[in-house]
């Protein structure tokens, strides 16, 4: 009894995965055609970004930036490093967490806030 159910479940999962891959490939092909034929492959949406800066007392300070035009792609999925225009038009505000930016920058450069054992002066 359990074997047929497991087989149907695996086949359904494989079918959904193949369907998702096929839709992405078709979307990419349509975008490639639009770029080659110069048929409006890109768009622009005005987005307002703001920084969320955590304070020591637990509150969050917000700093709003002026609205900027952001390039987007007229497709269902993100391509070429750009978000789809339908997504950006529904998410016109972009929150940027400053603490996340600082920790990411430290990880990339190898810098840390506490010195390692090599940084201590000799005794």
Protein backbone atom coordinates (compact mmCIF):
# COMPACT_ATOMS: atom_id res chain seq x y z
CA UNK A 1 0.00 0.00 0.00
CA UNK A 2 2.81 2.43 0.85
CA UNK A 3 4.88 1.69 -2.28
CA UNK A 4 2.34 3.00 -4.85
CA UNK A 5 1.79 6.14 -2.79
CA UNK A 6 5.54 6.79 -2.60
CA UNK A 7 5.92 6.20 -6.33
CA UNK A 8 3.08 8.64 -7.13
CA UNK A 9 4.59 11.21 -4.79
CA UNK A 10 8.05 10.92 -6.40
CA UNK A 11 6.57 11.08 -9.91
CA UNK A 12 4.51 14.15 -8.99
CA UNK A 13 7.59 15.87 -7.56
CA UNK A 14 9.63 15.06 -10.66
CA UNK A 15 6.82 16.36 -12.89
CA UNK A 16 6.60 19.65 -10.95
CA UNK A 17 10.37 20.08 -11.09
CA UNK A 18 10.40 19.45 -14.85
CA UNK A 19 7.51 21.88 -15.32
CA UNK A 20 9.34 24.60 -13.36
CA UNK A 21 12.55 24.03 -15.36
CA UNK A 22 10.66 24.12 -18.66
CA UNK A 23 8.90 27.36 -17.75
CA UNK A 24 12.22 28.99 -16.79
CA UNK A 25 13.87 27.85 -20.05
CA UNK A 26 10.94 29.12 -22.13
CA UNK A 27 10.97 32.43 -20.26
CA UNK A 28 14.71 32.78 -20.91
CA UNK A 29 14.24 31.97 -24.62
CA UNK A 30 11.46 34.55 -24.97
CA UNK A 31 13.69 37.15 -23.27
CA UNK A 32 16.54 36.29 -25.66
CA UNK A 33 14.19 36.76 -28.61
CA UNK A 34 12.96 40.10 -27.24
CA UNK A 35 16.54 41.31 -26.81
CA UNK A 36 17.55 40.22 -30.33
CA UNK A 37 14.43 41.72 -31.93
CA UNK A 38 14.57 44.87 -29.73
CA UNK A 39 10.98 44.30 -28.61
CA UNK A 40 10.95 45.97 -25.18
CA UNK A 41 12.91 43.42 -23.10
CA UNK A 42 13.70 45.85 -20.27
CA UNK A 43 11.73 48.35 -18.21
CA UNK A 44 12.18 50.81 -15.36
CA UNK A 45 10.35 51.11 -12.06
CA UNK A 46 10.77 53.89 -9.50
CA UNK A 47 11.88 52.39 -6.18
CA UNK A 48 12.39 54.12 -2.82
CA UNK A 49 15.17 52.63 -0.72
CA UNK A 50 15.56 53.14 3.01
CA UNK A 51 18.18 52.09 5.51
CA UNK A 52 17.13 50.38 8.75
CA UNK A 53 19.78 51.17 11.37
CA UNK A 54 19.46 49.35 14.70
CA UNK A 55 20.19 51.52 17.75
CA UNK A 56 21.72 50.39 21.05
CA UNK A 57 18.43 50.76 22.93
CA UNK A 58 16.68 48.27 20.62
CA UNK A 59 14.86 50.80 18.46
CA UNK A 60 15.39 51.10 14.71
CA UNK A 61 16.20 54.36 12.95
CA UNK A 62 15.08 54.72 9.31
CA UNK A 63 16.86 56.88 6.74
CA UNK A 64 14.94 57.30 3.51
CA UNK A 65 16.73 57.84 0.22
CA UNK A 66 15.28 59.74 -2.74
CA UNK A 67 13.33 57.62 -5.24
CA UNK A 68 15.46 56.11 -7.99
CA UNK A 69 14.67 54.36 -11.25
CA UNK A 70 15.68 50.72 -11.18
CA UNK A 71 16.10 48.65 -14.32
CA UNK A 72 14.03 45.49 -14.57
CA UNK A 73 13.35 42.73 -17.07
CA UNK A 74 9.95 42.04 -18.66
CA UNK A 75 9.82 38.34 -17.81
CA UNK A 76 8.33 35.95 -15.28
CA UNK A 77 11.63 35.11 -13.56
CA UNK A 78 14.74 37.19 -12.70
CA UNK A 79 17.32 37.18 -15.49
CA UNK A 80 20.66 38.89 -16.11
CA UNK A 81 20.89 40.11 -12.51
CA UNK A 82 17.62 42.07 -12.66
CA UNK A 83 14.29 41.55 -10.95
CA UNK A 84 11.13 41.11 -13.05
CA UNK A 85 9.17 44.32 -13.61
CA UNK A 86 5.97 42.78 -12.23
CA UNK A 87 7.78 42.09 -8.94
CA UNK A 88 9.35 45.55 -8.65
CA UNK A 89 6.06 47.28 -9.41
CA UNK A 90 4.53 45.47 -6.40
CA UNK A 91 7.55 46.08 -4.12
CA UNK A 92 8.38 49.75 -4.61
CA UNK A 93 10.07 50.13 -1.22
CA UNK A 94 13.40 48.39 -0.60
CA UNK A 95 14.56 47.94 3.01
CA UNK A 96 18.32 47.74 3.51
CA UNK A 97 19.38 46.41 6.92
CA UNK A 98 22.63 48.17 7.87
CA UNK A 99 23.69 45.54 10.41
CA UNK A 100 23.43 42.86 7.74
CA UNK A 101 25.55 44.96 5.38
CA UNK A 102 28.26 45.43 8.02
CA UNK A 103 28.46 41.74 8.91
CA UNK A 104 28.57 40.77 5.22
CA UNK A 105 31.38 43.27 4.57
CA UNK A 106 33.35 41.91 7.53
CA UNK A 107 32.99 38.35 6.27
CA UNK A 108 34.17 39.32 2.78
CA UNK A 109 37.23 41.27 3.95
CA UNK A 110 38.11 38.95 6.80
CA UNK A 111 37.90 41.82 9.30
CA UNK A 112 36.40 41.21 12.70
CA UNK A 113 35.63 43.39 15.68
CA UNK A 114 37.76 41.40 18.13
CA UNK A 115 41.48 40.96 17.54
CA UNK A 116 42.84 37.47 17.13
CA UNK A 117 45.67 35.95 19.16
CA UNK A 118 48.22 37.13 16.56
CA UNK A 119 47.27 40.77 17.18
CA UNK A 120 48.33 40.74 20.86
CA UNK A 121 51.63 42.40 21.71
CA UNK A 122 54.46 40.08 22.85
CA UNK A 123 55.05 39.83 26.61
